[in-house]
């Protein structure tokens, strides 16, 4: 299996829960921003639920969606790493094949 492939069970996602489905968690949306980069759409949604605040980053590529959730306690560190990566991308020479 390639590292970015997801395991499937008879064409669908495998369920790992043994009990009944969990009830939905009430989430309040505090702020949403959307950006388009090439063929990808990124949706940044700051949300809050009874466990706290978090940032949900959704990547949408032709209807296929993937999510990353970052607790608000890690947003400052996440921002620093993202800034470092942007700076490195601008400073490092592009390799040609």
PDB file of N, CA and C in Angstrom:
ATOM      1  N   UNK A   1       0.834  -1.175   0.000  1.00  0.00           N
ATOM      2  CA  UNK A   1       0.000   0.000   0.000  1.00  0.00           C
ATOM      3  C   UNK A   1       0.881   1.241   0.000  1.00  0.00           C
ATOM      4  N   UNK A   2       0.538   2.214  -0.825  1.00  0.00           N
ATOM      5  CA  UNK A   2       1.234   3.492  -0.863  1.00  0.00           C
ATOM      6  C   UNK A   2       0.863   4.261   0.393  1.00  0.00           C
ATOM      7  N   UNK A   3       1.787   5.063   0.921  1.00  0.00           N
ATOM      8  CA  UNK A   3       1.596   5.710   2.211  1.00  0.00           C
ATOM      9  C   UNK A   3       0.369   6.616   2.276  1.00  0.00           C
ATOM     10  N   UNK A   4      -0.073   7.174   1.153  1.00  0.00           N
ATOM     11  CA  UNK A   4      -1.233   8.056   1.217  1.00  0.00           C
ATOM     12  C   UNK A   4      -2.538   7.342   0.900  1.00  0.00           C
ATOM     13  N   UNK A   5      -2.510   6.031   0.719  1.00  0.00           N
ATOM     14  CA  UNK A   5      -3.724   5.269   0.498  1.00  0.00           C
ATOM     15  C   UNK A   5      -4.351   4.903   1.830  1.00  0.00           C
ATOM     16  N   UNK A   6      -5.656   4.814   1.824  1.00  0.00           N
ATOM     17  CA  UNK A   6      -6.366   4.426   3.024  1.00  0.00           C
ATOM     18  C   UNK A   6      -6.778   2.970   2.902  1.00  0.00           C
ATOM     19  N   UNK A   7      -6.678   2.233   4.005  1.00  0.00           N
ATOM     20  CA  UNK A   7      -7.127   0.847   3.940  1.00  0.00           C
ATOM     21  C   UNK A   7      -8.624   0.803   3.684  1.00  0.00           C
ATOM     22  N   UNK A   8      -9.052  -0.128   2.899  1.00  0.00           N
ATOM     23  CA  UNK A   8     -10.476  -0.256   2.634  1.00  0.00           C
ATOM     24  C   UNK A   8     -10.902  -1.681   2.908  1.00  0.00           C
ATOM     25  N   UNK A   9     -12.171  -1.843   3.163  1.00  0.00           N
ATOM     26  CA  UNK A   9     -12.733  -3.149   3.428  1.00  0.00           C
ATOM     27  C   UNK A   9     -13.920  -3.304   2.493  1.00  0.00           C
ATOM     28  N   UNK A  10     -13.784  -4.114   1.469  1.00  0.00           N
ATOM     29  CA  UNK A  10     -14.818  -4.345   0.465  1.00  0.00           C
ATOM     30  C   UNK A  10     -15.309  -3.034  -0.128  1.00  0.00           C
ATOM     31  N   UNK A  11     -14.366  -2.173  -0.505  1.00  0.00           N
ATOM     32  CA  UNK A  11     -14.702  -0.947  -1.212  1.00  0.00           C
ATOM     33  C   UNK A  11     -15.114   0.211  -0.337  1.00  0.00           C
ATOM     34  N   UNK A  12     -15.186   0.044   0.987  1.00  0.00           N
ATOM     35  CA  UNK A  12     -15.603   1.146   1.849  1.00  0.00           C
ATOM     36  C   UNK A  12     -14.627   1.323   2.988  1.00  0.00           C
ATOM     37  N   UNK A  13     -14.952   2.254   3.864  1.00  0.00           N
ATOM     38  CA  UNK A  13     -14.095   2.473   5.022  1.00  0.00           C
ATOM     39  C   UNK A  13     -14.410   1.424   6.080  1.00  0.00           C
ATOM     40  N   UNK A  14     -13.392   0.959   6.744  1.00  0.00           N
ATOM     41  CA  UNK A  14     -13.548  -0.033   7.786  1.00  0.00           C
ATOM     42  C   UNK A  14     -13.927   0.674   9.082  1.00  0.00           C
ATOM     43  N   UNK A  15     -14.900   0.146   9.773  1.00  0.00           N
ATOM     44  CA  UNK A  15     -15.322   0.721  11.037  1.00  0.00           C
ATOM     45  C   UNK A  15     -14.570   0.051  12.171  1.00  0.00           C
ATOM     46  N   UNK A  16     -13.954   0.838  13.025  1.00  0.00           N
ATOM     47  CA  UNK A  16     -13.188   0.306  14.135  1.00  0.00           C
ATOM     48  C   UNK A  16     -13.947   0.391  15.448  1.00  0.00           C
ATOM     49  N   UNK A  17     -15.128   1.005  15.461  1.00  0.00           N
ATOM     50  CA  UNK A  17     -15.870   1.123  16.708  1.00  0.00           C
ATOM     51  C   UNK A  17     -16.686  -0.138  16.940  1.00  0.00           C
ATOM     52  N   UNK A  18     -16.732  -0.569  18.199  1.00  0.00           N
ATOM     53  CA  UNK A  18     -17.458  -1.785  18.531  1.00  0.00           C
ATOM     54  C   UNK A  18     -18.858  -1.474  19.032  1.00  0.00           C
ATOM     55  N   UNK A  19     -19.098  -0.253  19.464  1.00  0.00           N
ATOM     56  CA  UNK A  19     -20.378   0.093  20.050  1.00  0.00           C
ATOM     57  C   UNK A  19     -21.269   0.863  19.100  1.00  0.00           C
ATOM     58  N   UNK A  20     -22.343   1.407  19.644  1.00  0.00           N
ATOM     59  CA  UNK A  20     -23.260   2.195  18.813  1.00  0.00           C
ATOM     60  C   UNK A  20     -22.596   3.489  18.368  1.00  0.00           C
ATOM     61  N   UNK A  21     -23.119   4.115  17.308  1.00  0.00           N
ATOM     62  CA  UNK A  21     -22.521   5.371  16.833  1.00  0.00           C
ATOM     63  C   UNK A  21     -22.583   6.448  17.909  1.00  0.00           C
ATOM     64  N   UNK A  22     -21.558   7.295  17.916  1.00  0.00           N
ATOM     65  CA  UNK A  22     -21.498   8.379  18.888  1.00  0.00           C
ATOM     66  C   UNK A  22     -22.491   9.470  18.494  1.00  0.00           C
ATOM     67  N   UNK A  23     -23.118  10.117  19.476  1.00  0.00           N
ATOM     68  CA  UNK A  23     -24.027  11.217  19.134  1.00  0.00           C
ATOM     69  C   UNK A  23     -23.222  12.403  18.607  1.00  0.00           C
ATOM     70  N   UNK A  24     -23.822  13.211  17.737  1.00  0.00           N
ATOM     71  CA  UNK A  24     -23.088  14.365  17.206  1.00  0.00           C
ATOM     72  C   UNK A  24     -22.748  15.354  18.318  1.00  0.00           C
ATOM     73  N   UNK A  25     -21.581  16.003  18.179  1.00  0.00           N
ATOM     74  CA  UNK A  25     -21.137  16.997  19.148  1.00  0.00           C
ATOM     75  C   UNK A  25     -21.573  18.368  18.642  1.00  0.00           C
ATOM     76  N   UNK A  26     -22.168  19.153  19.516  1.00  0.00           N
ATOM     77  CA  UNK A  26     -22.593  20.499  19.151  1.00  0.00           C
ATOM     78  C   UNK A  26     -21.371  21.379  18.973  1.00  0.00           C
ATOM     79  N   UNK A  27     -21.166  21.916  17.769  1.00  0.00           N
ATOM     80  CA  UNK A  27     -20.027  22.778  17.464  1.00  0.00           C
ATOM     81  C   UNK A  27     -20.523  24.133  16.968  1.00  0.00           C
ATOM     82  N   UNK A  28     -19.945  25.184  17.502  1.00  0.00           N
ATOM     83  CA  UNK A  28     -20.257  26.539  17.046  1.00  0.00           C
ATOM     84  C   UNK A  28     -19.141  27.010  16.122  1.00  0.00           C
ATOM     85  N   UNK A  29     -19.497  27.565  14.976  1.00  0.00           N
ATOM     86  CA  UNK A  29     -18.524  28.133  14.047  1.00  0.00           C
ATOM     87  C   UNK A  29     -18.278  29.585  14.432  1.00  0.00           C
ATOM     88  N   UNK A  30     -17.013  29.905  14.684  1.00  0.00           N
ATOM     89  CA  UNK A  30     -16.641  31.256  15.092  1.00  0.00           C
ATOM     90  C   UNK A  30     -16.147  32.109  13.932  1.00  0.00           C
ATOM     91  N   UNK A  31     -15.450  31.479  12.970  1.00  0.00           N
ATOM     92  CA  UNK A  31     -14.910  32.210  11.815  1.00  0.00           C
ATOM     93  C   UNK A  31     -14.563  31.203  10.730  1.00  0.00           C
ATOM     94  N   UNK A  32     -14.778  31.585   9.478  1.00  0.00           N
ATOM     95  CA  UNK A  32     -14.450  30.727   8.340  1.00  0.00           C
ATOM     96  C   UNK A  32     -13.776  31.548   7.253  1.00  0.00           C
ATOM     97  N   UNK A  33     -12.719  31.004   6.682  1.00  0.00           N
ATOM     98  CA  UNK A  33     -12.029  31.601   5.528  1.00  0.00           C
ATOM     99  C   UNK A  33     -11.803  30.501   4.505  1.00  0.00           C
ATOM    100  N   UNK A  34     -11.887  30.870   3.229  1.00  0.00           N
ATOM    101  CA  UNK A  34     -11.717  29.900   2.146  1.00  0.00           C
ATOM    102  C   UNK A  34     -10.712  30.457   1.150  1.00  0.00           C
ATOM    103  N   UNK A  35      -9.759  29.597   0.719  1.00  0.00           N
ATOM    104  CA  UNK A  35      -8.802  30.020  -0.302  1.00  0.00           C
ATOM    105  C   UNK A  35      -8.694  28.942  -1.374  1.00  0.00           C
ATOM    106  N   UNK A  36      -8.435  29.383  -2.589  1.00  0.00           N
ATOM    107  CA  UNK A  36      -8.244  28.492  -3.729  1.00  0.00           C
ATOM    108  C   UNK A  36      -6.782  28.566  -4.141  1.00  0.00           C
ATOM    109  N   UNK A  37      -6.109  27.407  -4.173  1.00  0.00           N
ATOM    110  CA  UNK A  37      -4.719  27.328  -4.613  1.00  0.00           C
ATOM    111  C   UNK A  37      -4.643  26.236  -5.672  1.00  0.00           C
ATOM    112  N   UNK A  38      -4.364  26.656  -6.885  1.00  0.00           N
ATOM    113  CA  UNK A  38      -4.357  25.745  -8.033  1.00  0.00           C
ATOM    114  C   UNK A  38      -5.694  25.018  -8.081  1.00  0.00           C
ATOM    115  N   UNK A  39      -5.693  23.686  -8.048  1.00  0.00           N
ATOM    116  CA  UNK A  39      -6.967  22.955  -8.154  1.00  0.00           C
ATOM    117  C   UNK A  39      -7.545  22.566  -6.797  1.00  0.00           C
ATOM    118  N   UNK A  40      -6.958  23.089  -5.726  1.00  0.00           N
ATOM    119  CA  UNK A  40      -7.390  22.737  -4.377  1.00  0.00           C
ATOM    120  C   UNK A  40      -8.080  23.921  -3.707  1.00  0.00           C
ATOM    121  N   UNK A  41      -9.106  23.610  -2.938  1.00  0.00           N
ATOM    122  CA  UNK A  41      -9.769  24.605  -2.105  1.00  0.00           C
ATOM    123  C   UNK A  41      -9.483  24.245  -0.657  1.00  0.00           C
ATOM    124  N   UNK A  42      -9.040  25.236   0.112  1.00  0.00           N
ATOM    125  CA  UNK A  42      -8.789  25.041   1.533  1.00  0.00           C
ATOM    126  C   UNK A  42      -9.793  25.882   2.311  1.00  0.00           C
ATOM    127  N   UNK A  43     -10.454  25.259   3.279  1.00  0.00           N
ATOM    128  CA  UNK A  43     -11.425  25.944   4.122  1.00  0.00           C
ATOM    129  C   UNK A  43     -10.895  25.901   5.551  1.00  0.00           C
ATOM    130  N   UNK A  44     -10.693  27.072   6.134  1.00  0.00           N
ATOM    131  CA  UNK A  44     -10.210  27.192   7.503  1.00  0.00           C
ATOM    132  C   UNK A  44     -11.404  27.604   8.359  1.00  0.00           C
ATOM    133  N   UNK A  45     -11.768  26.766   9.320  1.00  0.00           N
ATOM    134  CA  UNK A  45     -12.924  27.041  10.158  1.00  0.00           C
ATOM    135  C   UNK A  45     -12.524  26.980  11.624  1.00  0.00           C
ATOM    136  N   UNK A  46     -12.639  28.106  12.308  1.00  0.00           N
ATOM    137  CA  UNK A  46     -12.403  28.152  13.741  1.00  0.00           C
ATOM    138  C   UNK A  46     -13.714  27.784  14.414  1.00  0.00           C
ATOM    139  N   UNK A  47     -13.668  26.732  15.238  1.00  0.00           N
ATOM    140  CA  UNK A  47     -14.882  26.216  15.866  1.00  0.00           C
ATOM    141  C   UNK A  47     -14.689  26.088  17.363  1.00  0.00           C
ATOM    142  N   UNK A  48     -15.810  25.878  18.049  1.00  0.00           N
ATOM    143  CA  UNK A  48     -15.782  25.667  19.488  1.00  0.00           C
ATOM    144  C   UNK A  48     -16.831  24.627  19.830  1.00  0.00           C
ATOM    145  N   UNK A  49     -16.465  23.723  20.733  1.00  0.00           N
ATOM    146  CA  UNK A  49     -17.414  22.746  21.252  1.00  0.00           C
ATOM    147  C   UNK A  49     -17.196  22.634  22.757  1.00  0.00           C
ATOM    148  N   UNK A  50     -17.927  21.775  23.448  1.00  0.00           N
ATOM    149  CA  UNK A  50     -17.754  21.692  24.907  1.00  0.00           C
ATOM    150  C   UNK A  50     -16.327  21.360  25.357  1.00  0.00           C
ATOM    151  N   UNK A  51     -15.513  20.774  24.485  1.00  0.00           N
ATOM    152  CA  UNK A  51     -14.134  20.438  24.866  1.00  0.00           C
ATOM    153  C   UNK A  51     -13.158  21.577  24.595  1.00  0.00           C
ATOM    154  N   UNK A  52     -13.563  22.623  23.864  1.00  0.00           N
ATOM    155  CA  UNK A  52     -12.688  23.765  23.615  1.00  0.00           C
ATOM    156  C   UNK A  52     -12.740  24.245  22.177  1.00  0.00           C
ATOM    157  N   UNK A  53     -11.805  25.135  21.853  1.00  0.00           N
ATOM    158  CA  UNK A  53     -11.707  25.694  20.493  1.00  0.00           C
ATOM    159  C   UNK A  53     -10.694  24.922  19.675  1.00  0.00           C
ATOM    160  N   UNK A  54     -10.919  24.918  18.352  1.00  0.00           N
ATOM    161  CA  UNK A  54     -10.018  24.218  17.442  1.00  0.00           C
ATOM    162  C   UNK A  54     -10.161  24.795  16.049  1.00  0.00           C
ATOM    163  N   UNK A  55      -9.138  24.573  15.246  1.00  0.00           N
ATOM    164  CA  UNK A  55      -9.151  24.974  13.848  1.00  0.00           C
ATOM    165  C   UNK A  55      -9.294  23.714  13.007  1.00  0.00           C
ATOM    166  N   UNK A  56     -10.301  23.683  12.153  1.00  0.00           N
ATOM    167  CA  UNK A  56     -10.463  22.586  11.208  1.00  0.00           C
ATOM    168  C   UNK A  56     -10.027  23.105   9.836  1.00  0.00           C
ATOM    169  N   UNK A  57      -9.051  22.435   9.242  1.00  0.00           N
ATOM    170  CA  UNK A  57      -8.599  22.768   7.891  1.00  0.00           C
ATOM    171  C   UNK A  57      -9.104  21.670   6.981  1.00  0.00           C
ATOM    172  N   UNK A  58      -9.931  22.049   6.015  1.00  0.00           N
ATOM    173  CA  UNK A  58     -10.490  21.095   5.072  1.00  0.00           C
ATOM    174  C   UNK A  58      -9.865  21.340   3.714  1.00  0.00           C
ATOM    175  N   UNK A  59      -9.348  20.278   3.109  1.00  0.00           N
ATOM    176  CA  UNK A  59      -8.816  20.329   1.749  1.00  0.00           C
ATOM    177  C   UNK A  59      -9.845  19.660   0.850  1.00  0.00           C
ATOM    178  N   UNK A  60     -10.304  20.370  -0.161  1.00  0.00           N
ATOM    179  CA  UNK A  60     -11.282  19.827  -1.104  1.00  0.00           C
ATOM    180  C   UNK A  60     -10.644  19.804  -2.484  1.00  0.00           C
ATOM    181  N   UNK A  61     -10.530  18.598  -3.056  1.00  0.00           N
ATOM    182  CA  UNK A  61     -10.000  18.431  -4.402  1.00  0.00           C
ATOM    183  C   UNK A  61     -11.040  17.650  -5.196  1.00  0.00           C
ATOM    184  N   UNK A  62     -11.731  18.354  -6.078  1.00  0.00           N
ATOM    185  CA  UNK A  62     -12.749  17.716  -6.926  1.00  0.00           C
ATOM    186  C   UNK A  62     -13.750  16.898  -6.112  1.00  0.00           C
ATOM    187  N   UNK A  63     -14.209  17.434  -4.991  1.00  0.00           N
ATOM    188  CA  UNK A  63     -15.223  16.769  -4.185  1.00  0.00           C
ATOM    189  C   UNK A  63     -14.690  15.821  -3.129  1.00  0.00           C
ATOM    190  N   UNK A  64     -13.415  15.491  -3.173  1.00  0.00           N
ATOM    191  CA  UNK A  64     -12.826  14.634  -2.146  1.00  0.00           C
ATOM    192  C   UNK A  64     -12.301  15.528  -1.032  1.00  0.00           C
ATOM    193  N   UNK A  65     -12.743  15.271   0.192  1.00  0.00           N
ATOM    194  CA  UNK A  65     -12.379  16.140   1.316  1.00  0.00           C
ATOM    195  C   UNK A  65     -11.550  15.396   2.352  1.00  0.00           C
ATOM    196  N   UNK A  66     -10.531  16.088   2.840  1.00  0.00           N
ATOM    197  CA  UNK A  66      -9.717  15.605   3.947  1.00  0.00           C
ATOM    198  C   UNK A  66      -9.650  16.723   4.982  1.00  0.00           C
ATOM    199  N   UNK A  67      -9.610  16.341   6.261  1.00  0.00           N
ATOM    200  CA  UNK A  67      -9.608  17.313   7.353  1.00  0.00           C
ATOM    201  C   UNK A  67      -8.396  17.136   8.248  1.00  0.00           C
ATOM    202  N   UNK A  68      -7.932  18.257   8.772  1.00  0.00           N
ATOM    203  CA  UNK A  68      -6.920  18.281   9.822  1.00  0.00           C
ATOM    204  C   UNK A  68      -7.507  19.160  10.913  1.00  0.00           C
ATOM    205  N   UNK A  69      -7.423  18.690  12.157  1.00  0.00           N
ATOM    206  CA  UNK A  69      -7.946  19.472  13.269  1.00  0.00           C
ATOM    207  C   UNK A  69      -6.798  19.813  14.211  1.00  0.00           C
ATOM    208  N   UNK A  70      -6.677  21.104  14.526  1.00  0.00           N
ATOM    209  CA  UNK A  70      -5.602  21.590  15.392  1.00  0.00           C
ATOM    210  C   UNK A  70      -6.246  22.256  16.606  1.00  0.00           C
ATOM    211  N   UNK A  71      -5.972  21.738  17.813  1.00  0.00           N
ATOM    212  CA  UNK A  71      -6.504  22.393  19.011  1.00  0.00           C
ATOM    213  C   UNK A  71      -5.979  23.825  19.101  1.00  0.00           C
ATOM    214  N   UNK A  72      -6.790  24.719  19.641  1.00  0.00           N
ATOM    215  CA  UNK A  72      -6.383  26.131  19.715  1.00  0.00           C
ATOM    216  C   UNK A  72      -5.104  26.315  20.513  1.00  0.00           C
ATOM    217  N   UNK A  73      -4.822  25.404  21.441  1.00  0.00           N
ATOM    218  CA  UNK A  73      -3.598  25.518  22.236  1.00  0.00           C
ATOM    219  C   UNK A  73      -2.341  25.330  21.391  1.00  0.00           C
ATOM    220  N   UNK A  74      -2.462  24.774  20.188  1.00  0.00           N
ATOM    221  CA  UNK A  74      -1.312  24.562  19.325  1.00  0.00           C
ATOM    222  C   UNK A  74      -1.240  25.502  18.141  1.00  0.00           C
ATOM    223  N   UNK A  75      -2.174  26.446  18.039  1.00  0.00           N
ATOM    224  CA  UNK A  75      -2.213  27.313  16.855  1.00  0.00           C
ATOM    225  C   UNK A  75      -0.987  28.212  16.728  1.00  0.00           C
ATOM    226  N   UNK A  76      -0.477  28.729  17.816  1.00  0.00           N
ATOM    227  CA  UNK A  76       0.697  29.609  17.741  1.00  0.00           C
ATOM    228  C   UNK A  76       1.913  28.833  17.246  1.00  0.00           C
ATOM    229  N   UNK A  77       2.123  27.642  17.752  1.00  0.00           N
ATOM    230  CA  UNK A  77       3.240  26.801  17.295  1.00  0.00           C
ATOM    231  C   UNK A  77       3.048  26.406  15.832  1.00  0.00           C
ATOM    232  N   UNK A  78       1.807  26.080  15.452  1.00  0.00           N
ATOM    233  CA  UNK A  78       1.495  25.740  14.061  1.00  0.00           C
ATOM    234  C   UNK A  78       1.831  26.917  13.139  1.00  0.00           C
ATOM    235  N   UNK A  79       1.459  28.135  13.563  1.00  0.00           N
ATOM    236  CA  UNK A  79       1.736  29.343  12.776  1.00  0.00           C
ATOM    237  C   UNK A  79       3.236  29.527  12.582  1.00  0.00           C
ATOM    238  N   UNK A  80       4.014  29.315  13.645  1.00  0.00           N
ATOM    239  CA  UNK A  80       5.470  29.482  13.547  1.00  0.00           C
ATOM    240  C   UNK A  80       6.079  28.497  12.557  1.00  0.00           C
ATOM    241  N   UNK A  81       5.647  27.256  12.611  1.00  0.00           N
ATOM    242  CA  UNK A  81       6.173  26.242  11.683  1.00  0.00           C
ATOM    243  C   UNK A  81       5.765  26.590  10.252  1.00  0.00           C
ATOM    244  N   UNK A  82       4.525  27.020  10.054  1.00  0.00           N
ATOM    245  CA  UNK A  82       4.062  27.386   8.719  1.00  0.00           C
ATOM    246  C   UNK A  82       4.855  28.572   8.167  1.00  0.00           C
ATOM    247  N   UNK A  83       5.120  29.565   9.004  1.00  0.00           N
ATOM    248  CA  UNK A  83       5.940  30.705   8.577  1.00  0.00           C
ATOM    249  C   UNK A  83       7.350  30.260   8.202  1.00  0.00           C
ATOM    250  N   UNK A  84       7.940  29.378   8.998  1.00  0.00           N
ATOM    251  CA  UNK A  84       9.285  28.860   8.698  1.00  0.00           C
ATOM    252  C   UNK A  84       9.293  28.113   7.358  1.00  0.00           C
ATOM    253  N   UNK A  85       8.265  27.323   7.108  1.00  0.00           N
ATOM    254  CA  UNK A  85       8.184  26.572   5.845  1.00  0.00           C
ATOM    255  C   UNK A  85       8.017  27.518   4.657  1.00  0.00           C
ATOM    256  N   UNK A  86       7.206  28.551   4.806  1.00  0.00           N
ATOM    257  CA  UNK A  86       7.014  29.530   3.728  1.00  0.00           C
ATOM    258  C   UNK A  86       8.316  30.265   3.442  1.00  0.00           C
ATOM    259  N   UNK A  87       9.035  30.629   4.495  1.00  0.00           N
ATOM    260  CA  UNK A  87      10.315  31.325   4.335  1.00  0.00           C
ATOM    261  C   UNK A  87      11.331  30.409   3.639  1.00  0.00           C
ATOM    262  N   UNK A  88      11.415  29.144   4.064  1.00  0.00           N
ATOM    263  CA  UNK A  88      12.343  28.201   3.455  1.00  0.00           C
ATOM    264  C   UNK A  88      12.002  27.974   1.994  1.00  0.00           C
ATOM    265  N   UNK A  89      10.716  27.890   1.673  1.00  0.00           N
ATOM    266  CA  UNK A  89      10.312  27.677   0.278  1.00  0.00           C
ATOM    267  C   UNK A  89      10.726  28.839  -0.614  1.00  0.00           C
ATOM    268  N   UNK A  90      10.673  30.045  -0.069  1.00  0.00           N
ATOM    269  CA  UNK A  90      11.059  31.233  -0.838  1.00  0.00           C
ATOM    270  C   UNK A  90      12.580  31.356  -0.957  1.00  0.00           C
ATOM    271  N   UNK A  91      13.323  30.852   0.027  1.00  0.00           N
ATOM    272  CA  UNK A  91      14.775  31.051   0.056  1.00  0.00           C
ATOM    273  C   UNK A  91      15.563  29.925  -0.618  1.00  0.00           C
ATOM    274  N   UNK A  92      15.074  28.702  -0.536  1.00  0.00           N
ATOM    275  CA  UNK A  92      15.819  27.570  -1.074  1.00  0.00           C
ATOM    276  C   UNK A  92      15.709  27.528  -2.591  1.00  0.00           C
ATOM    277  N   UNK A  93      16.792  27.217  -3.271  1.00  0.00           N
ATOM    278  CA  UNK A  93      16.722  27.144  -4.753  1.00  0.00           C
ATOM    279  C   UNK A  93      15.868  25.958  -5.185  1.00  0.00           C
ATOM    280  N   UNK A  94      15.214  26.116  -6.335  1.00  0.00           N
ATOM    281  CA  UNK A  94      14.387  25.058  -6.893  1.00  0.00           C
ATOM    282  C   UNK A  94      15.287  24.054  -7.577  1.00  0.00           C
ATOM    283  N   UNK A  95      15.084  22.771  -7.268  1.00  0.00           N
ATOM    284  CA  UNK A  95      15.886  21.709  -7.897  1.00  0.00           C
ATOM    285  C   UNK A  95      15.284  21.373  -9.244  1.00  0.00           C
ATOM    286  N   UNK A  96      16.152  21.226 -10.235  1.00  0.00           N
ATOM    287  CA  UNK A  96      15.687  20.815 -11.554  1.00  0.00           C
ATOM    288  C   UNK A  96      16.088  19.368 -11.788  1.00  0.00           C
ATOM    289  N   UNK A  97      15.253  18.641 -12.515  1.00  0.00           N
ATOM    290  CA  UNK A  97      15.489  17.201 -12.703  1.00  0.00           C
ATOM    291  C   UNK A  97      16.571  16.897 -13.668  1.00  0.00           C
TER     292      UNK A  97
END
